[in-house]
PDB file of N, CA and C in Angstrom:
ATOM      1  N   MET A   1      10.804  12.073  -4.875  1.00  0.00           N
ATOM      2  CA  MET A   1      11.440  10.816  -4.597  1.00  0.00           C
ATOM      3  C   MET A   1      12.376  10.466  -5.735  1.00  0.00           C
ATOM      4  N   ARG A   2      11.946  10.637  -6.962  1.00  0.00           N
ATOM      5  CA  ARG A   2      12.833  10.307  -8.088  1.00  0.00           C
ATOM      6  C   ARG A   2      13.996  11.283  -8.196  1.00  0.00           C
ATOM      7  N   THR A   3      13.757  12.532  -7.840  1.00  0.00           N
ATOM      8  CA  THR A   3      14.848  13.502  -7.859  1.00  0.00           C
ATOM      9  C   THR A   3      15.920  13.112  -6.853  1.00  0.00           C
ATOM     10  N   VAL A   4      15.496  12.770  -5.647  1.00  0.00           N
ATOM     11  CA  VAL A   4      16.450  12.360  -4.620  1.00  0.00           C
ATOM     12  C   VAL A   4      17.141  11.067  -5.043  1.00  0.00           C
ATOM     13  N   ALA A   5      16.401  10.130  -5.603  1.00  0.00           N
ATOM     14  CA  ALA A   5      17.005   8.877  -6.067  1.00  0.00           C
ATOM     15  C   ALA A   5      18.069   9.165  -7.123  1.00  0.00           C
ATOM     16  N   GLY A   6      17.765  10.088  -8.028  1.00  0.00           N
ATOM     17  CA  GLY A   6      18.738  10.451  -9.056  1.00  0.00           C
ATOM     18  C   GLY A   6      19.977  11.099  -8.475  1.00  0.00           C
ATOM     19  N   GLU A   7      19.785  11.923  -7.456  1.00  0.00           N
ATOM     20  CA  GLU A   7      20.929  12.586  -6.825  1.00  0.00           C
ATOM     21  C   GLU A   7      21.818  11.602  -6.067  1.00  0.00           C
ATOM     22  N   LEU A   8      21.234  10.524  -5.567  1.00  0.00           N
ATOM     23  CA  LEU A   8      21.981   9.573  -4.746  1.00  0.00           C
ATOM     24  C   LEU A   8      22.376   8.300  -5.480  1.00  0.00           C
ATOM     25  N   ILE A   9      22.031   8.222  -6.766  1.00  0.00           N
ATOM     26  CA  ILE A   9      22.272   6.983  -7.509  1.00  0.00           C
ATOM     27  C   ILE A   9      23.756   6.607  -7.519  1.00  0.00           C
ATOM     28  N   GLY A  10      24.641   7.596  -7.593  1.00  0.00           N
ATOM     29  CA  GLY A  10      26.071   7.315  -7.606  1.00  0.00           C
ATOM     30  C   GLY A  10      26.576   6.710  -6.311  1.00  0.00           C
ATOM     31  N   LEU A  11      25.833   6.924  -5.237  1.00  0.00           N
ATOM     32  CA  LEU A  11      26.192   6.351  -3.941  1.00  0.00           C
ATOM     33  C   LEU A  11      25.499   5.020  -3.678  1.00  0.00           C
ATOM     34  N   ARG A  12      24.683   4.589  -4.649  1.00  0.00           N
ATOM     35  CA  ARG A  12      23.889   3.362  -4.521  1.00  0.00           C
ATOM     36  C   ARG A  12      22.975   3.400  -3.301  1.00  0.00           C
ATOM     37  N   VAL A  13      22.354   4.541  -3.084  1.00  0.00           N
ATOM     38  CA  VAL A  13      21.359   4.685  -2.018  1.00  0.00           C
ATOM     39  C   VAL A  13      19.992   4.449  -2.652  1.00  0.00           C
ATOM     40  N   ASN A  14      19.249   3.517  -2.104  1.00  0.00           N
ATOM     41  CA  ASN A  14      17.910   3.222  -2.606  1.00  0.00           C
ATOM     42  C   ASN A  14      16.933   4.255  -2.061  1.00  0.00           C
ATOM     43  N   VAL A  15      16.156   4.828  -2.957  1.00  0.00           N
ATOM     44  CA  VAL A  15      15.131   5.788  -2.555  1.00  0.00           C
ATOM     45  C   VAL A  15      13.828   5.334  -3.207  1.00  0.00           C
ATOM     46  N   ASN A  16      12.877   4.937  -2.380  1.00  0.00           N
ATOM     47  CA  ASN A  16      11.586   4.457  -2.864  1.00  0.00           C
ATOM     48  C   ASN A  16      10.481   5.080  -2.030  1.00  0.00           C
ATOM     49  N   ALA A  17       9.258   4.902  -2.478  1.00  0.00           N
ATOM     50  CA  ALA A  17       8.109   5.439  -1.756  1.00  0.00           C
ATOM     51  C   ALA A  17       7.032   4.366  -1.669  1.00  0.00           C
ATOM     52  N   ILE A  18       6.162   4.532  -0.697  1.00  0.00           N
ATOM     53  CA  ILE A  18       4.995   3.660  -0.543  1.00  0.00           C
ATOM     54  C   ILE A  18       3.760   4.513  -0.753  1.00  0.00           C
ATOM     55  N   ALA A  19       2.876   4.048  -1.626  1.00  0.00           N
ATOM     56  CA  ALA A  19       1.602   4.722  -1.875  1.00  0.00           C
ATOM     57  C   ALA A  19       0.495   3.852  -1.289  1.00  0.00           C
ATOM     58  N   PRO A  20       0.042   4.190  -0.093  1.00  0.00           N
ATOM     59  CA  PRO A  20      -0.970   3.343   0.545  1.00  0.00           C
ATOM     60  C   PRO A  20      -2.366   3.602  -0.003  1.00  0.00           C
ATOM     61  N   GLY A  21      -3.165   2.553   0.026  1.00  0.00           N
ATOM     62  CA  GLY A  21      -4.591   2.708  -0.245  1.00  0.00           C
ATOM     63  C   GLY A  21      -5.282   3.143   1.040  1.00  0.00           C
ATOM     64  N   TRP A  22      -6.553   2.819   1.146  1.00  0.00           N
ATOM     65  CA  TRP A  22      -7.313   3.183   2.337  1.00  0.00           C
ATOM     66  C   TRP A  22      -6.897   2.253   3.470  1.00  0.00           C
ATOM     67  N   ILE A  23      -6.341   2.828   4.529  1.00  0.00           N
ATOM     68  CA  ILE A  23      -5.811   2.056   5.644  1.00  0.00           C
ATOM     69  C   ILE A  23      -6.704   2.251   6.866  1.00  0.00           C
ATOM     70  N   ASP A  24      -7.053   1.154   7.510  1.00  0.00           N
ATOM     71  CA  ASP A  24      -7.908   1.162   8.691  1.00  0.00           C
ATOM     72  C   ASP A  24      -7.080   1.610   9.902  1.00  0.00           C
ATOM     73  N   THR A  25      -7.193   2.873  10.231  1.00  0.00           N
ATOM     74  CA  THR A  25      -6.453   3.451  11.354  1.00  0.00           C
ATOM     75  C   THR A  25      -7.436   4.063  12.346  1.00  0.00           C
ATOM     76  N   PRO A  26      -6.997   4.358  13.556  1.00  0.00           N
ATOM     77  CA  PRO A  26      -7.887   5.021  14.513  1.00  0.00           C
ATOM     78  C   PRO A  26      -8.449   6.336  13.970  1.00  0.00           C
ATOM     79  N   GLY A  27      -7.641   7.065  13.204  1.00  0.00           N
ATOM     80  CA  GLY A  27      -8.125   8.315  12.613  1.00  0.00           C
ATOM     81  C   GLY A  27      -9.265   8.091  11.638  1.00  0.00           C
ATOM     82  N   GLU A  28      -9.180   7.037  10.848  1.00  0.00           N
ATOM     83  CA  GLU A  28     -10.268   6.710   9.917  1.00  0.00           C
ATOM     84  C   GLU A  28     -11.533   6.364  10.693  1.00  0.00           C
ATOM     85  N   ARG A  29     -11.368   5.690  11.804  1.00  0.00           N
ATOM     86  CA  ARG A  29     -12.521   5.291  12.616  1.00  0.00           C
ATOM     87  C   ARG A  29     -13.171   6.491  13.301  1.00  0.00           C
ATOM     88  N   GLU A  30     -12.416   7.576  13.463  1.00  0.00           N
ATOM     89  CA  GLU A  30     -13.007   8.808  14.001  1.00  0.00           C
ATOM     90  C   GLU A  30     -13.880   9.499  12.961  1.00  0.00           C
ATOM     91  N   VAL A  31     -13.529   9.333  11.698  1.00  0.00           N
ATOM     92  CA  VAL A  31     -14.227  10.012  10.609  1.00  0.00           C
ATOM     93  C   VAL A  31     -15.351   9.163  10.032  1.00  0.00           C
ATOM     94  N   PHE A  32     -15.102   7.865   9.889  1.00  0.00           N
ATOM     95  CA  PHE A  32     -16.060   6.969   9.242  1.00  0.00           C
ATOM     96  C   PHE A  32     -16.589   5.952  10.243  1.00  0.00           C
ATOM     97  N   SER A  33     -17.853   5.588  10.094  1.00  0.00           N
ATOM     98  CA  SER A  33     -18.448   4.581  10.969  1.00  0.00           C
ATOM     99  C   SER A  33     -17.910   3.200  10.608  1.00  0.00           C
ATOM    100  N   SER A  34     -18.014   2.271  11.539  1.00  0.00           N
ATOM    101  CA  SER A  34     -17.599   0.887  11.290  1.00  0.00           C
ATOM    102  C   SER A  34     -18.355   0.306  10.108  1.00  0.00           C
ATOM    103  N   GLN A  35     -19.613   0.678   9.981  1.00  0.00           N
ATOM    104  CA  GLN A  35     -20.429   0.173   8.874  1.00  0.00           C
ATOM    105  C   GLN A  35     -19.868   0.646   7.528  1.00  0.00           C
ATOM    106  N   ILE A  36     -19.492   1.901   7.425  1.00  0.00           N
ATOM    107  CA  ILE A  36     -18.923   2.427   6.179  1.00  0.00           C
ATOM    108  C   ILE A  36     -17.589   1.755   5.888  1.00  0.00           C
ATOM    109  N   ILE A  37     -16.770   1.592   6.920  1.00  0.00           N
ATOM    110  CA  ILE A  37     -15.467   0.959   6.730  1.00  0.00           C
ATOM    111  C   ILE A  37     -15.639  -0.478   6.259  1.00  0.00           C
ATOM    112  N   GLU A  38     -16.547  -1.217   6.865  1.00  0.00           N
ATOM    113  CA  GLU A  38     -16.763  -2.611   6.467  1.00  0.00           C
ATOM    114  C   GLU A  38     -17.341  -2.710   5.062  1.00  0.00           C
ATOM    115  N   SER A  39     -18.332  -1.883   4.739  1.00  0.00           N
ATOM    116  CA  SER A  39     -18.935  -1.968   3.408  1.00  0.00           C
ATOM    117  C   SER A  39     -17.966  -1.495   2.331  1.00  0.00           C
ATOM    118  N   SER A  40     -17.193  -0.471   2.629  1.00  0.00           N
ATOM    119  CA  SER A  40     -16.197   0.000   1.661  1.00  0.00           C
ATOM    120  C   SER A  40     -15.089  -1.024   1.491  1.00  0.00           C
ATOM    121  N   GLY A  41     -14.684  -1.630   2.586  1.00  0.00           N
ATOM    122  CA  GLY A  41     -13.648  -2.649   2.521  1.00  0.00           C
ATOM    123  C   GLY A  41     -14.050  -3.834   1.664  1.00  0.00           C
ATOM    124  N   SER A  42     -15.312  -4.199   1.713  1.00  0.00           N
ATOM    125  CA  SER A  42     -15.771  -5.340   0.917  1.00  0.00           C
ATOM    126  C   SER A  42     -15.736  -5.045  -0.579  1.00  0.00           C
ATOM    127  N   GLU A  43     -15.659  -3.764  -0.950  1.00  0.00           N
ATOM    128  CA  GLU A  43     -15.595  -3.384  -2.359  1.00  0.00           C
ATOM    129  C   GLU A  43     -14.159  -3.376  -2.894  1.00  0.00           C
ATOM    130  N   ILE A  44     -13.192  -3.493  -2.024  1.00  0.00           N
ATOM    131  CA  ILE A  44     -11.795  -3.566  -2.436  1.00  0.00           C
ATOM    132  C   ILE A  44     -11.513  -5.011  -2.831  1.00  0.00           C
ATOM    133  N   PRO A  45     -10.783  -5.258  -3.919  1.00  0.00           N
ATOM    134  CA  PRO A  45     -10.541  -6.639  -4.337  1.00  0.00           C
ATOM    135  C   PRO A  45     -10.035  -7.558  -3.231  1.00  0.00           C
ATOM    136  N   TRP A  46      -9.240  -7.054  -2.291  1.00  0.00           N
ATOM    137  CA  TRP A  46      -8.747  -7.888  -1.202  1.00  0.00           C
ATOM    138  C   TRP A  46      -9.828  -8.157  -0.163  1.00  0.00           C
ATOM    139  N   GLY A  47     -10.946  -7.427  -0.243  1.00  0.00           N
ATOM    140  CA  GLY A  47     -12.076  -7.663   0.653  1.00  0.00           C
ATOM    141  C   GLY A  47     -11.998  -6.940   1.984  1.00  0.00           C
ATOM    142  N   ARG A  48     -11.044  -6.038   2.132  1.00  0.00           N
ATOM    143  CA  ARG A  48     -10.906  -5.305   3.390  1.00  0.00           C
ATOM    144  C   ARG A  48     -10.056  -4.063   3.171  1.00  0.00           C
ATOM    145  N   LEU A  49     -10.137  -3.141   4.113  1.00  0.00           N
ATOM    146  CA  LEU A  49      -9.207  -2.024   4.117  1.00  0.00           C
ATOM    147  C   LEU A  49      -7.843  -2.555   4.524  1.00  0.00           C
ATOM    148  N   GLY A  50      -6.825  -1.798   4.159  1.00  0.00           N
ATOM    149  CA  GLY A  50      -5.482  -2.169   4.562  1.00  0.00           C
ATOM    150  C   GLY A  50      -5.288  -1.959   6.055  1.00  0.00           C
ATOM    151  N   LEU A  51      -4.278  -2.569   6.574  1.00  0.00           N
ATOM    152  CA  LEU A  51      -3.916  -2.413   7.979  1.00  0.00           C
ATOM    153  C   LEU A  51      -2.563  -1.705   8.067  1.00  0.00           C
ATOM    154  N   PRO A  52      -2.321  -1.012   9.163  1.00  0.00           N
ATOM    155  CA  PRO A  52      -0.992  -0.411   9.318  1.00  0.00           C
ATOM    156  C   PRO A  52       0.125  -1.441   9.124  1.00  0.00           C
ATOM    157  N   SER A  53      -0.112  -2.669   9.533  1.00  0.00           N
ATOM    158  CA  SER A  53       0.915  -3.706   9.370  1.00  0.00           C
ATOM    159  C   SER A  53       1.193  -4.009   7.896  1.00  0.00           C
ATOM    160  N   ASP A  54       0.198  -3.827   7.019  1.00  0.00           N
ATOM    161  CA  ASP A  54       0.435  -4.022   5.587  1.00  0.00           C
ATOM    162  C   ASP A  54       1.454  -3.000   5.080  1.00  0.00           C
ATOM    163  N   ILE A  55       1.342  -1.773   5.549  1.00  0.00           N
ATOM    164  CA  ILE A  55       2.292  -0.733   5.159  1.00  0.00           C
ATOM    165  C   ILE A  55       3.648  -1.017   5.798  1.00  0.00           C
ATOM    166  N   GLY A  56       3.631  -1.460   7.050  1.00  0.00           N
ATOM    167  CA  GLY A  56       4.872  -1.793   7.730  1.00  0.00           C
ATOM    168  C   GLY A  56       5.636  -2.894   7.017  1.00  0.00           C
ATOM    169  N   LYS A  57       4.923  -3.913   6.558  1.00  0.00           N
ATOM    170  CA  LYS A  57       5.581  -5.015   5.843  1.00  0.00           C
ATOM    171  C   LYS A  57       6.208  -4.528   4.544  1.00  0.00           C
ATOM    172  N   ALA A  58       5.532  -3.612   3.860  1.00  0.00           N
ATOM    173  CA  ALA A  58       6.093  -3.047   2.634  1.00  0.00           C
ATOM    174  C   ALA A  58       7.355  -2.252   2.949  1.00  0.00           C
ATOM    175  N   ALA A  59       7.322  -1.496   4.040  1.00  0.00           N
ATOM    176  CA  ALA A  59       8.491  -0.711   4.437  1.00  0.00           C
ATOM    177  C   ALA A  59       9.657  -1.628   4.811  1.00  0.00           C
ATOM    178  N   VAL A  60       9.365  -2.695   5.542  1.00  0.00           N
ATOM    179  CA  VAL A  60      10.422  -3.647   5.914  1.00  0.00           C
ATOM    180  C   VAL A  60      11.026  -4.263   4.654  1.00  0.00           C
ATOM    181  N   PHE A  61      10.183  -4.615   3.696  1.00  0.00           N
ATOM    182  CA  PHE A  61      10.691  -5.166   2.437  1.00  0.00           C
ATOM    183  C   PHE A  61      11.616  -4.174   1.743  1.00  0.00           C
ATOM    184  N   LEU A  62      11.169  -2.928   1.612  1.00  0.00           N
ATOM    185  CA  LEU A  62      11.987  -1.935   0.916  1.00  0.00           C
ATOM    186  C   LEU A  62      13.302  -1.644   1.640  1.00  0.00           C
ATOM    187  N   CYS A  63      13.335  -1.871   2.936  1.00  0.00           N
ATOM    188  CA  CYS A  63      14.570  -1.674   3.717  1.00  0.00           C
ATOM    189  C   CYS A  63      15.449  -2.919   3.752  1.00  0.00           C
ATOM    190  N   SER A  64      14.941  -4.015   3.232  1.00  0.00           N
ATOM    191  CA  SER A  64      15.674  -5.281   3.321  1.00  0.00           C
ATOM    192  C   SER A  64      16.633  -5.463   2.148  1.00  0.00           C
ATOM    193  N   ASP A  65      17.519  -6.432   2.299  1.00  0.00           N
ATOM    194  CA  ASP A  65      18.427  -6.794   1.209  1.00  0.00           C
ATOM    195  C   ASP A  65      17.669  -7.308  -0.011  1.00  0.00           C
ATOM    196  N   ASP A  66      16.458  -7.818   0.194  1.00  0.00           N
ATOM    197  CA  ASP A  66      15.656  -8.320  -0.927  1.00  0.00           C
ATOM    198  C   ASP A  66      15.285  -7.208  -1.903  1.00  0.00           C
ATOM    199  N   ALA A  67      15.324  -5.962  -1.456  1.00  0.00           N
ATOM    200  CA  ALA A  67      14.983  -4.820  -2.310  1.00  0.00           C
ATOM    201  C   ALA A  67      16.225  -4.038  -2.731  1.00  0.00           C
ATOM    202  N   ASP A  68      17.384  -4.654  -2.603  1.00  0.00           N
ATOM    203  CA  ASP A  68      18.639  -3.958  -2.880  1.00  0.00           C
ATOM    204  C   ASP A  68      18.715  -3.393  -4.292  1.00  0.00           C
ATOM    205  N   TYR A  69      18.077  -4.030  -5.258  1.00  0.00           N
ATOM    206  CA  TYR A  69      18.190  -3.622  -6.660  1.00  0.00           C
ATOM    207  C   TYR A  69      16.981  -2.802  -7.111  1.00  0.00           C
ATOM    208  N   ILE A  70      16.243  -2.271  -6.155  1.00  0.00           N
ATOM    209  CA  ILE A  70      15.048  -1.475  -6.445  1.00  0.00           C
ATOM    210  C   ILE A  70      15.304  -0.047  -5.991  1.00  0.00           C
ATOM    211  N   THR A  71      15.162   0.903  -6.905  1.00  0.00           N
ATOM    212  CA  THR A  71      15.284   2.309  -6.534  1.00  0.00           C
ATOM    213  C   THR A  71      14.423   3.157  -7.455  1.00  0.00           C
ATOM    214  N   ALA A  72      14.004   4.294  -6.939  1.00  0.00           N
ATOM    215  CA  ALA A  72      13.181   5.259  -7.680  1.00  0.00           C
ATOM    216  C   ALA A  72      11.814   4.678  -8.048  1.00  0.00           C
ATOM    217  N   GLU A  73      11.266   3.847  -7.194  1.00  0.00           N
ATOM    218  CA  GLU A  73       9.970   3.226  -7.455  1.00  0.00           C
ATOM    219  C   GLU A  73       8.959   3.597  -6.386  1.00  0.00           C
ATOM    220  N   VAL A  74       7.701   3.530  -6.779  1.00  0.00           N
ATOM    221  CA  VAL A  74       6.587   3.718  -5.847  1.00  0.00           C
ATOM    222  C   VAL A  74       5.900   2.370  -5.711  1.00  0.00           C
ATOM    223  N   LEU A  75       5.870   1.853  -4.500  1.00  0.00           N
ATOM    224  CA  LEU A  75       5.213   0.578  -4.218  1.00  0.00           C
ATOM    225  C   LEU A  75       3.798   0.877  -3.737  1.00  0.00           C
ATOM    226  N   THR A  76       2.834   0.512  -4.539  1.00  0.00           N
ATOM    227  CA  THR A  76       1.437   0.741  -4.184  1.00  0.00           C
ATOM    228  C   THR A  76       0.955  -0.418  -3.328  1.00  0.00           C
ATOM    229  N   VAL A  77       0.425  -0.091  -2.158  1.00  0.00           N
ATOM    230  CA  VAL A  77      -0.066  -1.096  -1.209  1.00  0.00           C
ATOM    231  C   VAL A  77      -1.527  -0.750  -0.961  1.00  0.00           C
ATOM    232  N   ASP A  78      -2.403  -1.307  -1.799  1.00  0.00           N
ATOM    233  CA  ASP A  78      -3.808  -0.881  -1.752  1.00  0.00           C
ATOM    234  C   ASP A  78      -4.818  -2.015  -1.894  1.00  0.00           C
ATOM    235  N   GLY A  79      -4.376  -3.253  -1.785  1.00  0.00           N
ATOM    236  CA  GLY A  79      -5.314  -4.373  -1.883  1.00  0.00           C
ATOM    237  C   GLY A  79      -5.982  -4.493  -3.237  1.00  0.00           C
ATOM    238  N   GLY A  80      -5.391  -3.876  -4.252  1.00  0.00           N
ATOM    239  CA  GLY A  80      -5.939  -3.964  -5.600  1.00  0.00           C
ATOM    240  C   GLY A  80      -6.995  -2.922  -5.931  1.00  0.00           C
ATOM    241  N   ILE A  81      -7.165  -1.908  -5.072  1.00  0.00           N
ATOM    242  CA  ILE A  81      -8.222  -0.927  -5.313  1.00  0.00           C
ATOM    243  C   ILE A  81      -8.036  -0.190  -6.638  1.00  0.00           C
ATOM    244  N   ARG A  82      -6.788  -0.061  -7.094  1.00  0.00           N
ATOM    245  CA  ARG A  82      -6.555   0.583  -8.396  1.00  0.00           C
ATOM    246  C   ARG A  82      -7.224  -0.188  -9.521  1.00  0.00           C
ATOM    247  N   LEU A  83      -7.444  -1.466  -9.318  1.00  0.00           N
ATOM    248  CA  LEU A  83      -8.053  -2.305 -10.341  1.00  0.00           C
ATOM    249  C   LEU A  83      -9.571  -2.324 -10.281  1.00  0.00           C
ATOM    250  N   LYS A  84     -10.130  -1.707  -9.249  1.00  0.00           N
ATOM    251  CA  LYS A  84     -11.587  -1.692  -9.102  1.00  0.00           C
ATOM    252  C   LYS A  84     -12.208  -1.125 -10.374  1.00  0.00           C
ATOM    253  N   GLY A  85     -13.168  -1.802 -10.883  1.00  0.00           N
ATOM    254  CA  GLY A  85     -13.806  -1.373 -12.111  1.00  0.00           C
ATOM    255  C   GLY A  85     -13.234  -2.058 -13.339  1.00  0.00           C
ATOM    256  N   PHE A  86     -12.034  -2.604 -13.233  1.00  0.00           N
ATOM    257  CA  PHE A  86     -11.422  -3.312 -14.348  1.00  0.00           C
ATOM    258  C   PHE A  86     -11.664  -4.813 -14.275  1.00  0.00           C
ATOM    259  N   LEU A  87     -11.846  -5.298 -13.073  1.00  0.00           N
ATOM    260  CA  LEU A  87     -11.964  -6.728 -12.872  1.00  0.00           C
ATOM    261  C   LEU A  87     -13.243  -7.069 -12.137  1.00  0.00           C
ATOM    262  N   ASN A  88     -13.826  -8.178 -12.477  1.00  0.00           N
ATOM    263  CA  ASN A  88     -14.894  -8.736 -11.658  1.00  0.00           C
ATOM    264  C   ASN A  88     -14.179  -9.555 -10.603  1.00  0.00           C
ATOM    265  N   HIS A  89     -14.484  -9.263  -9.361  1.00  0.00           N
ATOM    266  CA  HIS A  89     -13.770  -9.951  -8.300  1.00  0.00           C
ATOM    267  C   HIS A  89     -14.717 -10.392  -7.217  1.00  0.00           C
ATOM    268  N   GLN A  90     -14.234 -11.321  -6.480  1.00  0.00           N
ATOM    269  CA  GLN A  90     -14.928 -11.748  -5.274  1.00  0.00           C
ATOM    270  C   GLN A  90     -13.844 -12.094  -4.268  1.00  0.00           C
ATOM    271  N   ALA A  91     -13.908 -11.450  -3.127  1.00  0.00           N
ATOM    272  CA  ALA A  91     -12.900 -11.709  -2.104  1.00  0.00           C
ATOM    273  C   ALA A  91     -13.012 -13.156  -1.645  1.00  0.00           C
ATOM    274  N   PRO A  92     -11.868 -13.796  -1.399  1.00  0.00           N
ATOM    275  CA  PRO A  92     -11.915 -15.188  -0.932  1.00  0.00           C
ATOM    276  C   PRO A  92     -12.606 -15.289   0.428  1.00  0.00           C
ATOM    277  N   ALA A  93     -13.298 -16.382   0.607  1.00  0.00           N
ATOM    278  CA  ALA A  93     -13.974 -16.610   1.887  1.00  0.00           C
ATOM    279  C   ALA A  93     -12.945 -16.865   2.968  1.00  0.00           C
ATOM    280  N   ASP A  94     -13.189 -16.356   4.157  1.00  0.00           N
ATOM    281  CA  ASP A  94     -12.286 -16.588   5.285  1.00  0.00           C
ATOM    282  C   ASP A  94     -12.457 -17.981   5.840  1.00  0.00           C
TER     283      ASP A  94
END
Protein backbone atom coordinates (compact mmCIF):
# COMPACT_ATOMS: atom_id res chain seq x y z
CA MET A 1 0.00 0.00 0.00
CA ARG A 2 2.78 2.44 0.83
CA THR A 3 4.68 1.51 -2.31
CA VAL A 4 1.64 2.22 -4.46
CA ALA A 5 0.96 5.44 -2.53
CA GLY A 6 4.55 6.52 -3.18
CA GLU A 7 4.24 5.73 -6.87
CA LEU A 8 1.03 7.75 -7.18
CA ILE A 9 1.89 10.64 -4.87
CA GLY A 10 2.73 12.92 -7.81
CA LEU A 11 -0.78 12.40 -9.14
CA ARG A 12 -2.32 13.13 -5.73
CA VAL A 13 -4.02 9.73 -5.64
CA ASN A 14 -4.87 8.68 -2.10
CA VAL A 15 -3.91 5.11 -1.29
CA ASN A 16 -4.93 3.82 2.13
CA ALA A 17 -5.82 0.51 3.73
CA ILE A 18 -8.27 -0.72 6.34
CA ALA A 19 -7.11 -3.19 8.98
CA PRO A 20 -10.24 -4.76 10.43
CA GLY A 21 -10.50 -6.41 13.79
CA TRP A 22 -12.76 -9.39 14.39
CA ILE A 23 -15.86 -8.78 12.27
CA ASP A 24 -19.16 -10.58 12.85
CA THR A 25 -19.84 -12.09 9.43
CA PRO A 26 -21.77 -15.17 8.27
CA GLY A 27 -18.42 -16.91 7.76
CA GLU A 28 -17.43 -16.29 11.37
CA ARG A 29 -20.77 -17.72 12.48
CA GLU A 30 -20.02 -20.89 10.51
CA VAL A 31 -16.76 -21.35 12.42
CA PHE A 32 -17.62 -20.01 15.88
CA SER A 33 -20.72 -20.53 17.99
CA SER A 34 -22.91 -17.58 18.98
CA GLN A 35 -21.76 -18.11 22.56
CA ILE A 36 -18.08 -17.74 21.61
CA ILE A 37 -18.82 -14.68 19.48
CA GLU A 38 -20.79 -13.02 22.28
CA SER A 39 -18.26 -13.82 25.01
CA SER A 40 -15.33 -12.78 22.84
CA GLY A 41 -17.12 -9.62 21.82
CA SER A 42 -17.63 -8.62 25.43
CA GLU A 43 -13.84 -8.72 25.89
CA ILE A 44 -13.30 -6.09 23.18
CA PRO A 45 -13.27 -2.54 24.61
CA TRP A 46 -16.25 -1.60 22.41
CA GLY A 47 -18.15 -4.55 23.92
CA ARG A 48 -18.89 -6.33 20.64
CA LEU A 49 -17.40 -7.70 17.47
CA GLY A 50 -17.28 -5.33 14.56
CA LEU A 51 -19.97 -5.31 11.92
CA PRO A 52 -19.50 -5.22 8.16
CA SER A 53 -21.09 -1.77 8.30
CA ASP A 54 -18.25 -0.57 10.57
CA ILE A 55 -15.79 -1.45 7.81
CA GLY A 56 -18.09 0.07 5.20
CA LYS A 57 -18.23 3.36 7.09
CA ALA A 58 -14.44 3.46 7.26
CA ALA A 59 -14.24 2.81 3.52
CA VAL A 60 -16.79 5.56 2.80
CA PHE A 61 -14.76 7.95 4.95
CA LEU A 62 -11.52 7.12 3.14
CA CYS A 63 -13.27 7.67 -0.21
CA SER A 64 -14.79 10.97 0.88
CA ASP A 65 -13.49 14.51 0.54
CA ASP A 66 -13.01 14.47 4.33
CA ALA A 67 -10.04 12.13 3.79
CA ASP A 68 -8.54 14.12 0.92
CA TYR A 69 -5.33 14.89 2.86
CA ILE A 70 -4.79 11.32 4.07
CA THR A 71 -2.57 8.93 2.12
CA ALA A 72 -0.31 5.96 2.80
CA GLU A 73 -2.12 5.17 6.06
CA VAL A 74 -3.67 2.09 7.60
CA LEU A 75 -6.96 2.77 9.37
CA THR A 76 -7.47 0.19 12.08
CA VAL A 77 -11.15 -0.56 12.70
CA ASP A 78 -11.15 -2.95 15.63
CA GLY A 79 -13.22 -1.52 18.49
CA GLY A 80 -10.05 -0.93 20.49
CA ILE A 81 -8.94 -4.58 20.59
CA ARG A 82 -5.33 -3.46 20.06
CA LEU A 83 -5.57 -1.81 23.47
CA LYS A 84 -6.78 -4.95 25.23
CA GLY A 85 -4.48 -5.58 28.13
CA PHE A 86 -3.37 -1.95 28.32
CA LEU A 87 -6.56 -0.49 29.68
CA ASN A 88 -9.12 -1.45 32.25
CA HIS A 89 -12.37 -1.04 30.44
CA GLN A 90 -16.01 -1.61 30.75
CA ALA A 91 -18.27 -1.40 27.75
CA PRO A 92 -21.02 1.20 28.14
CA ALA A 93 -24.42 -0.14 29.04
CA ASP A 94 -26.93 -0.22 26.20
